[in-house]
């Protein structure tokens, strides 16, 4: 989604996040979980809230890609539109990607219904939503999600084979919140690498999924579902 206000998670995604970056703890686990799911998409793929299309580079060469977003200085859509009123016919896409968009949608259930409508039976949806993050793009920031909330809204809109994984657990969440405060100039910025290394190490050693920076989900449009 195009960035209107800051701070915001994932307006642009660096190719190789480094441990010196204040958003490393957000980017590194998000990209690690998201990349294989994006690379697996095939056929006609719609990127909802595409921004500057940072994930297009991961798409297979056989993919027919369409990026949708609002017009703005930080978006480069192929088609101008919004997720709650997609300008496409029923069942025309084989895959749909949406990253860090649904927290900005007034009615996420209805928006997800629109996503399901434009997907063919058996098509794949890949989406990410924030779990822990400060308010951003205010006042257009409405929701935070749990794993169980993501599973439920997908089930309610006719998706199956649902897989939801955390992108950054408890320690990454704590460390990232510290880094955001550092980024605002409240502490010495030299602490960022130390926070990243310690929090990342603790997170990989075993971290509670009850608090996650983001959730990465993939699911299939049920083959017997009507659009």
C-alpha atoms as a PDB file:
ATOM      1  CA  UNK A   1       0.000   0.000   0.000  1.00  0.00           C
ATOM      2  CA  UNK A   2       1.253   3.483  -0.764  1.00  0.00           C
ATOM      3  CA  UNK A   3       2.846   5.191   2.248  1.00  0.00           C
ATOM      4  CA  UNK A   4       0.996   8.312   3.368  1.00  0.00           C
ATOM      5  CA  UNK A   5       2.316   8.810   6.877  1.00  0.00           C
ATOM      6  CA  UNK A   6       5.177   7.285   8.834  1.00  0.00           C
ATOM      7  CA  UNK A   7       6.329   5.137  10.464  1.00  0.00           C
ATOM      8  CA  UNK A   8       4.810   2.358   8.398  1.00  0.00           C
ATOM      9  CA  UNK A   9       5.796  -1.306   8.030  1.00  0.00           C
ATOM     10  CA  UNK A  10       6.984  -2.381   4.595  1.00  0.00           C
ATOM     11  CA  UNK A  11       6.285   0.592   2.321  1.00  0.00           C
ATOM     12  CA  UNK A  12       9.397  -0.464   0.427  1.00  0.00           C
ATOM     13  CA  UNK A  13      11.285  -3.673   0.972  1.00  0.00           C
ATOM     14  CA  UNK A  14      15.083  -3.674   0.828  1.00  0.00           C
ATOM     15  CA  UNK A  15      16.707  -6.408  -1.222  1.00  0.00           C
ATOM     16  CA  UNK A  16      19.062  -7.379   1.579  1.00  0.00           C
ATOM     17  CA  UNK A  17      18.117  -6.035   5.010  1.00  0.00           C
ATOM     18  CA  UNK A  18      21.162  -5.703   7.230  1.00  0.00           C
ATOM     19  CA  UNK A  19      21.475  -5.829  11.001  1.00  0.00           C
ATOM     20  CA  UNK A  20      22.451  -2.132  11.012  1.00  0.00           C
ATOM     21  CA  UNK A  21      18.994  -1.036   9.785  1.00  0.00           C
ATOM     22  CA  UNK A  22      16.387   0.130  12.333  1.00  0.00           C
ATOM     23  CA  UNK A  23      13.707  -1.983  10.568  1.00  0.00           C
ATOM     24  CA  UNK A  24      15.826  -5.134  10.267  1.00  0.00           C
ATOM     25  CA  UNK A  25      13.750  -7.067  12.814  1.00  0.00           C
ATOM     26  CA  UNK A  26      10.635  -6.339  10.762  1.00  0.00           C
ATOM     27  CA  UNK A  27      12.062  -6.922   7.283  1.00  0.00           C
ATOM     28  CA  UNK A  28      14.228 -10.001   7.809  1.00  0.00           C
ATOM     29  CA  UNK A  29      11.606 -12.453   9.132  1.00  0.00           C
ATOM     30  CA  UNK A  30       8.883 -11.001   6.896  1.00  0.00           C
ATOM     31  CA  UNK A  31      10.934 -11.510   3.722  1.00  0.00           C
ATOM     32  CA  UNK A  32      12.072 -14.943   4.858  1.00  0.00           C
ATOM     33  CA  UNK A  33       8.476 -16.116   5.295  1.00  0.00           C
ATOM     34  CA  UNK A  34       7.030 -14.273   2.310  1.00  0.00           C
ATOM     35  CA  UNK A  35       9.537 -14.956  -0.461  1.00  0.00           C
ATOM     36  CA  UNK A  36       8.864 -18.684  -1.041  1.00  0.00           C
ATOM     37  CA  UNK A  37       5.116 -18.067  -1.069  1.00  0.00           C
ATOM     38  CA  UNK A  38       5.404 -15.304  -3.656  1.00  0.00           C
ATOM     39  CA  UNK A  39       7.769 -17.353  -5.811  1.00  0.00           C
ATOM     40  CA  UNK A  40       5.237 -20.204  -5.837  1.00  0.00           C
ATOM     41  CA  UNK A  41       2.489 -18.063  -7.415  1.00  0.00           C
ATOM     42  CA  UNK A  42       1.616 -18.883 -11.021  1.00  0.00           C
ATOM     43  CA  UNK A  43      -0.666 -17.702 -13.794  1.00  0.00           C
ATOM     44  CA  UNK A  44      -2.510 -14.385 -13.541  1.00  0.00           C
ATOM     45  CA  UNK A  45      -1.502 -12.684 -10.275  1.00  0.00           C
ATOM     46  CA  UNK A  46      -3.034  -9.562  -8.747  1.00  0.00           C
ATOM     47  CA  UNK A  47      -0.950  -7.524  -6.272  1.00  0.00           C
ATOM     48  CA  UNK A  48      -3.448  -5.562  -4.166  1.00  0.00           C
ATOM     49  CA  UNK A  49      -1.903  -2.455  -2.613  1.00  0.00           C
ATOM     50  CA  UNK A  50       1.186  -2.898  -4.768  1.00  0.00           C
ATOM     51  CA  UNK A  51       2.912   0.376  -3.858  1.00  0.00           C
ATOM     52  CA  UNK A  52       6.106   0.512  -5.952  1.00  0.00           C
ATOM     53  CA  UNK A  53       5.742  -3.206  -6.824  1.00  0.00           C
ATOM     54  CA  UNK A  54       8.726  -4.372  -4.714  1.00  0.00           C
ATOM     55  CA  UNK A  55       7.672  -8.044  -4.791  1.00  0.00           C
ATOM     56  CA  UNK A  56       7.326  -8.250  -8.555  1.00  0.00           C
ATOM     57  CA  UNK A  57      11.016  -9.178  -8.758  1.00  0.00           C
ATOM     58  CA  UNK A  58      10.193 -12.475  -7.035  1.00  0.00           C
ATOM     59  CA  UNK A  59       7.469 -13.482  -9.495  1.00  0.00           C
ATOM     60  CA  UNK A  60       8.067 -16.444 -11.788  1.00  0.00           C
ATOM     61  CA  UNK A  61       8.720 -15.514 -15.417  1.00  0.00           C
ATOM     62  CA  UNK A  62       5.454 -17.181 -16.454  1.00  0.00           C
ATOM     63  CA  UNK A  63       3.340 -14.933 -14.201  1.00  0.00           C
ATOM     64  CA  UNK A  64       1.082 -12.305 -15.745  1.00  0.00           C
ATOM     65  CA  UNK A  65       1.349  -9.580 -13.105  1.00  0.00           C
ATOM     66  CA  UNK A  66      -1.146  -6.798 -12.344  1.00  0.00           C
ATOM     67  CA  UNK A  67      -0.438  -4.255  -9.610  1.00  0.00           C
ATOM     68  CA  UNK A  68      -3.386  -2.375  -8.108  1.00  0.00           C
ATOM     69  CA  UNK A  69      -3.245   0.633  -5.801  1.00  0.00           C
ATOM     70  CA  UNK A  70      -4.418   4.183  -5.380  1.00  0.00           C
ATOM     71  CA  UNK A  71      -2.579   6.891  -7.244  1.00  0.00           C
ATOM     72  CA  UNK A  72       0.154   8.633  -5.276  1.00  0.00           C
ATOM     73  CA  UNK A  73       3.851   9.572  -5.204  1.00  0.00           C
ATOM     74  CA  UNK A  74       4.756   6.251  -3.570  1.00  0.00           C
ATOM     75  CA  UNK A  75       2.657   3.932  -5.722  1.00  0.00           C
ATOM     76  CA  UNK A  76       3.126   2.648  -9.236  1.00  0.00           C
ATOM     77  CA  UNK A  77      -0.068   0.750 -10.074  1.00  0.00           C
ATOM     78  CA  UNK A  78      -0.933  -0.868 -13.370  1.00  0.00           C
ATOM     79  CA  UNK A  79      -4.583  -0.411 -12.411  1.00  0.00           C
ATOM     80  CA  UNK A  80      -5.915   2.291 -10.088  1.00  0.00           C
ATOM     81  CA  UNK A  81      -8.407   0.978  -7.552  1.00  0.00           C
ATOM     82  CA  UNK A  82      -9.055  -0.117  -3.978  1.00  0.00           C
ATOM     83  CA  UNK A  83      -9.339  -3.505  -2.334  1.00  0.00           C
ATOM     84  CA  UNK A  84     -12.970  -3.016  -1.324  1.00  0.00           C
ATOM     85  CA  UNK A  85     -14.089  -2.460  -4.933  1.00  0.00           C
ATOM     86  CA  UNK A  86     -11.788  -4.386  -7.266  1.00  0.00           C
ATOM     87  CA  UNK A  87     -12.389  -3.403 -10.922  1.00  0.00           C
ATOM     88  CA  UNK A  88     -12.231  -6.957 -12.274  1.00  0.00           C
ATOM     89  CA  UNK A  89     -14.665  -9.693 -13.276  1.00  0.00           C
ATOM     90  CA  UNK A  90     -15.292 -12.744 -11.099  1.00  0.00           C
ATOM     91  CA  UNK A  91     -12.698 -15.522 -11.039  1.00  0.00           C
ATOM     92  CA  UNK A  92     -10.139 -13.964 -13.379  1.00  0.00           C
ATOM     93  CA  UNK A  93      -6.966 -14.410 -11.271  1.00  0.00           C
ATOM     94  CA  UNK A  94      -4.967 -17.516 -10.310  1.00  0.00           C
ATOM     95  CA  UNK A  95      -3.181 -15.790  -7.447  1.00  0.00           C
ATOM     96  CA  UNK A  96      -3.473 -12.706  -5.259  1.00  0.00           C
ATOM     97  CA  UNK A  97      -0.837 -10.991  -3.126  1.00  0.00           C
ATOM     98  CA  UNK A  98      -1.581  -8.312  -0.532  1.00  0.00           C
ATOM     99  CA  UNK A  99       1.014  -7.065   1.954  1.00  0.00           C
ATOM    100  CA  UNK A 100       0.282  -4.843   4.949  1.00  0.00           C
ATOM    101  CA  UNK A 101      -3.007  -3.557   3.514  1.00  0.00           C
ATOM    102  CA  UNK A 102      -5.863  -4.938   5.595  1.00  0.00           C
ATOM    103  CA  UNK A 103      -5.082  -2.892   8.699  1.00  0.00           C
ATOM    104  CA  UNK A 104      -6.031   0.164   6.622  1.00  0.00           C
ATOM    105  CA  UNK A 105      -9.373  -1.198   5.383  1.00  0.00           C
ATOM    106  CA  UNK A 106     -12.513  -0.105   7.216  1.00  0.00           C
ATOM    107  CA  UNK A 107     -14.255  -3.465   6.640  1.00  0.00           C
ATOM    108  CA  UNK A 108     -11.599  -6.186   6.196  1.00  0.00           C
ATOM    109  CA  UNK A 109     -14.175  -9.001   5.933  1.00  0.00           C
ATOM    110  CA  UNK A 110     -15.828  -7.284   2.971  1.00  0.00           C
ATOM    111  CA  UNK A 111     -12.485  -6.494   1.362  1.00  0.00           C
ATOM    112  CA  UNK A 112     -11.402 -10.116   1.650  1.00  0.00           C
ATOM    113  CA  UNK A 113     -14.721 -11.132   0.084  1.00  0.00           C
ATOM    114  CA  UNK A 114     -13.781  -8.953  -2.897  1.00  0.00           C
ATOM    115  CA  UNK A 115     -10.416 -10.702  -3.110  1.00  0.00           C
ATOM    116  CA  UNK A 116     -12.137 -14.081  -3.077  1.00  0.00           C
ATOM    117  CA  UNK A 117     -14.552 -12.936  -5.775  1.00  0.00           C
ATOM    118  CA  UNK A 118     -11.826 -12.202  -8.343  1.00  0.00           C
ATOM    119  CA  UNK A 119      -9.985 -15.495  -7.677  1.00  0.00           C
ATOM    120  CA  UNK A 120     -10.665 -18.652  -9.649  1.00  0.00           C
ATOM    121  CA  UNK A 121     -11.541 -21.829  -7.712  1.00  0.00           C
ATOM    122  CA  UNK A 122      -8.304 -23.363  -6.427  1.00  0.00           C
ATOM    123  CA  UNK A 123      -6.416 -20.059  -6.745  1.00  0.00           C
ATOM    124  CA  UNK A 124      -3.876 -19.019  -4.107  1.00  0.00           C
ATOM    125  CA  UNK A 125      -3.986 -15.962  -1.872  1.00  0.00           C
ATOM    126  CA  UNK A 126      -0.881 -14.719  -0.046  1.00  0.00           C
ATOM    127  CA  UNK A 127      -1.254 -11.899   2.432  1.00  0.00           C
ATOM    128  CA  UNK A 128       0.565 -10.266   5.316  1.00  0.00           C
ATOM    129  CA  UNK A 129      -0.941  -8.278   8.162  1.00  0.00           C
ATOM    130  CA  UNK A 130       0.639  -6.619  11.201  1.00  0.00           C
ATOM    131  CA  UNK A 131       0.383  -8.115  14.647  1.00  0.00           C
ATOM    132  CA  UNK A 132       2.394  -5.568  16.665  1.00  0.00           C
ATOM    133  CA  UNK A 133       3.058  -2.115  15.245  1.00  0.00           C
ATOM    134  CA  UNK A 134       2.474   1.508  16.289  1.00  0.00           C
ATOM    135  CA  UNK A 135      -0.249   3.514  14.590  1.00  0.00           C
ATOM    136  CA  UNK A 136       0.807   4.593  11.107  1.00  0.00           C
ATOM    137  CA  UNK A 137      -0.757   6.282   8.091  1.00  0.00           C
ATOM    138  CA  UNK A 138      -3.028   7.869  10.696  1.00  0.00           C
ATOM    139  CA  UNK A 139      -5.965   8.251  10.835  1.00  0.00           C
ATOM    140  CA  UNK A 140      -6.315   5.371   8.330  1.00  0.00           C
ATOM    141  CA  UNK A 141      -5.040   2.642  10.628  1.00  0.00           C
ATOM    142  CA  UNK A 142      -7.840   0.507  12.069  1.00  0.00           C
ATOM    143  CA  UNK A 143      -6.795  -3.059  12.939  1.00  0.00           C
ATOM    144  CA  UNK A 144      -4.206  -5.454  14.324  1.00  0.00           C
ATOM    145  CA  UNK A 145      -4.494  -9.215  13.880  1.00  0.00           C
ATOM    146  CA  UNK A 146      -3.822 -12.485  15.672  1.00  0.00           C
ATOM    147  CA  UNK A 147      -3.116 -15.778  13.965  1.00  0.00           C
ATOM    148  CA  UNK A 148      -6.596 -16.966  14.862  1.00  0.00           C
ATOM    149  CA  UNK A 149      -8.237 -13.851  13.484  1.00  0.00           C
ATOM    150  CA  UNK A 150      -6.463 -14.307  10.151  1.00  0.00           C
ATOM    151  CA  UNK A 151      -7.519 -17.957  10.000  1.00  0.00           C
ATOM    152  CA  UNK A 152     -11.112 -17.086  10.794  1.00  0.00           C
ATOM    153  CA  UNK A 153     -11.582 -14.359   8.196  1.00  0.00           C
ATOM    154  CA  UNK A 154     -10.041 -16.578   5.516  1.00  0.00           C
ATOM    155  CA  UNK A 155     -12.308 -19.493   6.435  1.00  0.00           C
ATOM    156  CA  UNK A 156     -15.368 -17.225   6.417  1.00  0.00           C
ATOM    157  CA  UNK A 157     -14.629 -16.141   2.846  1.00  0.00           C
ATOM    158  CA  UNK A 158     -14.326 -19.659   1.453  1.00  0.00           C
ATOM    159  CA  UNK A 159     -10.607 -20.341   1.689  1.00  0.00           C
ATOM    160  CA  UNK A 160      -9.066 -23.673   2.656  1.00  0.00           C
ATOM    161  CA  UNK A 161      -5.585 -25.176   3.187  1.00  0.00           C
ATOM    162  CA  UNK A 162      -4.882 -22.120   5.338  1.00  0.00           C
ATOM    163  CA  UNK A 163      -1.323 -21.673   6.608  1.00  0.00           C
ATOM    164  CA  UNK A 164      -0.460 -18.747   8.904  1.00  0.00           C
ATOM    165  CA  UNK A 165       3.068 -18.219  10.231  1.00  0.00           C
ATOM    166  CA  UNK A 166       4.606 -15.459  12.367  1.00  0.00           C
ATOM    167  CA  UNK A 167       7.144 -13.059  10.887  1.00  0.00           C
ATOM    168  CA  UNK A 168       9.056 -12.036  13.992  1.00  0.00           C
ATOM    169  CA  UNK A 169       8.033 -13.411  17.374  1.00  0.00           C
ATOM    170  CA  UNK A 170       8.131 -11.974  20.896  1.00  0.00           C
ATOM    171  CA  UNK A 171      11.776 -10.918  21.002  1.00  0.00           C
ATOM    172  CA  UNK A 172      11.726  -9.449  17.499  1.00  0.00           C
ATOM    173  CA  UNK A 173       8.591  -7.494  18.453  1.00  0.00           C
ATOM    174  CA  UNK A 174      10.200  -6.086  21.597  1.00  0.00           C
ATOM    175  CA  UNK A 175      13.440  -5.276  19.800  1.00  0.00           C
ATOM    176  CA  UNK A 176      11.654  -3.595  16.914  1.00  0.00           C
ATOM    177  CA  UNK A 177       9.661  -1.364  19.246  1.00  0.00           C
ATOM    178  CA  UNK A 178      12.932  -0.313  20.906  1.00  0.00           C
ATOM    179  CA  UNK A 179      14.455   0.455  17.506  1.00  0.00           C
ATOM    180  CA  UNK A 180      11.489   2.597  16.516  1.00  0.00           C
ATOM    181  CA  UNK A 181      12.060   4.678  19.642  1.00  0.00           C
ATOM    182  CA  UNK A 182      15.764   4.914  18.789  1.00  0.00           C
ATOM    183  CA  UNK A 183      14.837   5.979  15.250  1.00  0.00           C
ATOM    184  CA  UNK A 184      12.796   8.825  16.706  1.00  0.00           C
ATOM    185  CA  UNK A 185      15.979  10.103  18.329  1.00  0.00           C
ATOM    186  CA  UNK A 186      15.152   9.192  21.915  1.00  0.00           C
ATOM    187  CA  UNK A 187      18.241   7.037  22.446  1.00  0.00           C
ATOM    188  CA  UNK A 188      21.684   6.668  20.904  1.00  0.00           C
ATOM    189  CA  UNK A 189      21.350   5.271  17.380  1.00  0.00           C
ATOM    190  CA  UNK A 190      24.508   3.249  17.875  1.00  0.00           C
ATOM    191  CA  UNK A 191      22.380   0.833  19.900  1.00  0.00           C
ATOM    192  CA  UNK A 192      20.417  -0.356  16.828  1.00  0.00           C
ATOM    193  CA  UNK A 193      22.907  -3.066  15.718  1.00  0.00           C
ATOM    194  CA  UNK A 194      23.144  -4.406  19.267  1.00  0.00           C
ATOM    195  CA  UNK A 195      19.345  -4.572  19.602  1.00  0.00           C
ATOM    196  CA  UNK A 196      19.054  -6.303  16.221  1.00  0.00           C
ATOM    197  CA  UNK A 197      21.685  -8.933  16.951  1.00  0.00           C
ATOM    198  CA  UNK A 198      20.395  -9.752  20.444  1.00  0.00           C
ATOM    199  CA  UNK A 199      16.686  -9.783  19.572  1.00  0.00           C
ATOM    200  CA  UNK A 200      17.221 -11.788  16.381  1.00  0.00           C
ATOM    201  CA  UNK A 201      19.331 -14.379  18.224  1.00  0.00           C
ATOM    202  CA  UNK A 202      16.747 -14.735  21.000  1.00  0.00           C
ATOM    203  CA  UNK A 203      13.902 -14.966  18.476  1.00  0.00           C
ATOM    204  CA  UNK A 204      15.599 -17.773  16.549  1.00  0.00           C
ATOM    205  CA  UNK A 205      16.331 -19.638  19.784  1.00  0.00           C
ATOM    206  CA  UNK A 206      12.619 -19.916  20.449  1.00  0.00           C
ATOM    207  CA  UNK A 207      10.084 -17.145  20.750  1.00  0.00           C
ATOM    208  CA  UNK A 208       6.432 -17.061  21.717  1.00  0.00           C
ATOM    209  CA  UNK A 209       4.029 -16.667  18.792  1.00  0.00           C
ATOM    210  CA  UNK A 210       1.465 -15.029  21.046  1.00  0.00           C
ATOM    211  CA  UNK A 211       3.057 -11.734  20.019  1.00  0.00           C
ATOM    212  CA  UNK A 212       4.319 -11.358  16.459  1.00  0.00           C
ATOM    213  CA  UNK A 213       5.333  -8.363  14.379  1.00  0.00           C
ATOM    214  CA  UNK A 214       3.378  -9.667  11.398  1.00  0.00           C
ATOM    215  CA  UNK A 215       1.533 -12.713  10.116  1.00  0.00           C
ATOM    216  CA  UNK A 216       2.143 -14.250   6.709  1.00  0.00           C
ATOM    217  CA  UNK A 217      -0.758 -16.321   5.401  1.00  0.00           C
ATOM    218  CA  UNK A 218      -1.423 -18.430   2.342  1.00  0.00           C
ATOM    219  CA  UNK A 219      -4.612 -20.248   1.415  1.00  0.00           C
ATOM    220  CA  UNK A 220      -6.558 -21.725  -1.500  1.00  0.00           C
ATOM    221  CA  UNK A 221      -9.885 -20.565  -2.852  1.00  0.00           C
ATOM    222  CA  UNK A 222     -12.176 -23.561  -2.271  1.00  0.00           C
ATOM    223  CA  UNK A 223     -12.799 -25.364  -5.546  1.00  0.00           C
ATOM    224  CA  UNK A 224     -16.519 -25.621  -4.875  1.00  0.00           C
ATOM    225  CA  UNK A 225     -16.913 -21.932  -3.970  1.00  0.00           C
ATOM    226  CA  UNK A 226     -19.056 -19.566  -5.947  1.00  0.00           C
ATOM    227  CA  UNK A 227     -17.522 -16.144  -6.540  1.00  0.00           C
END
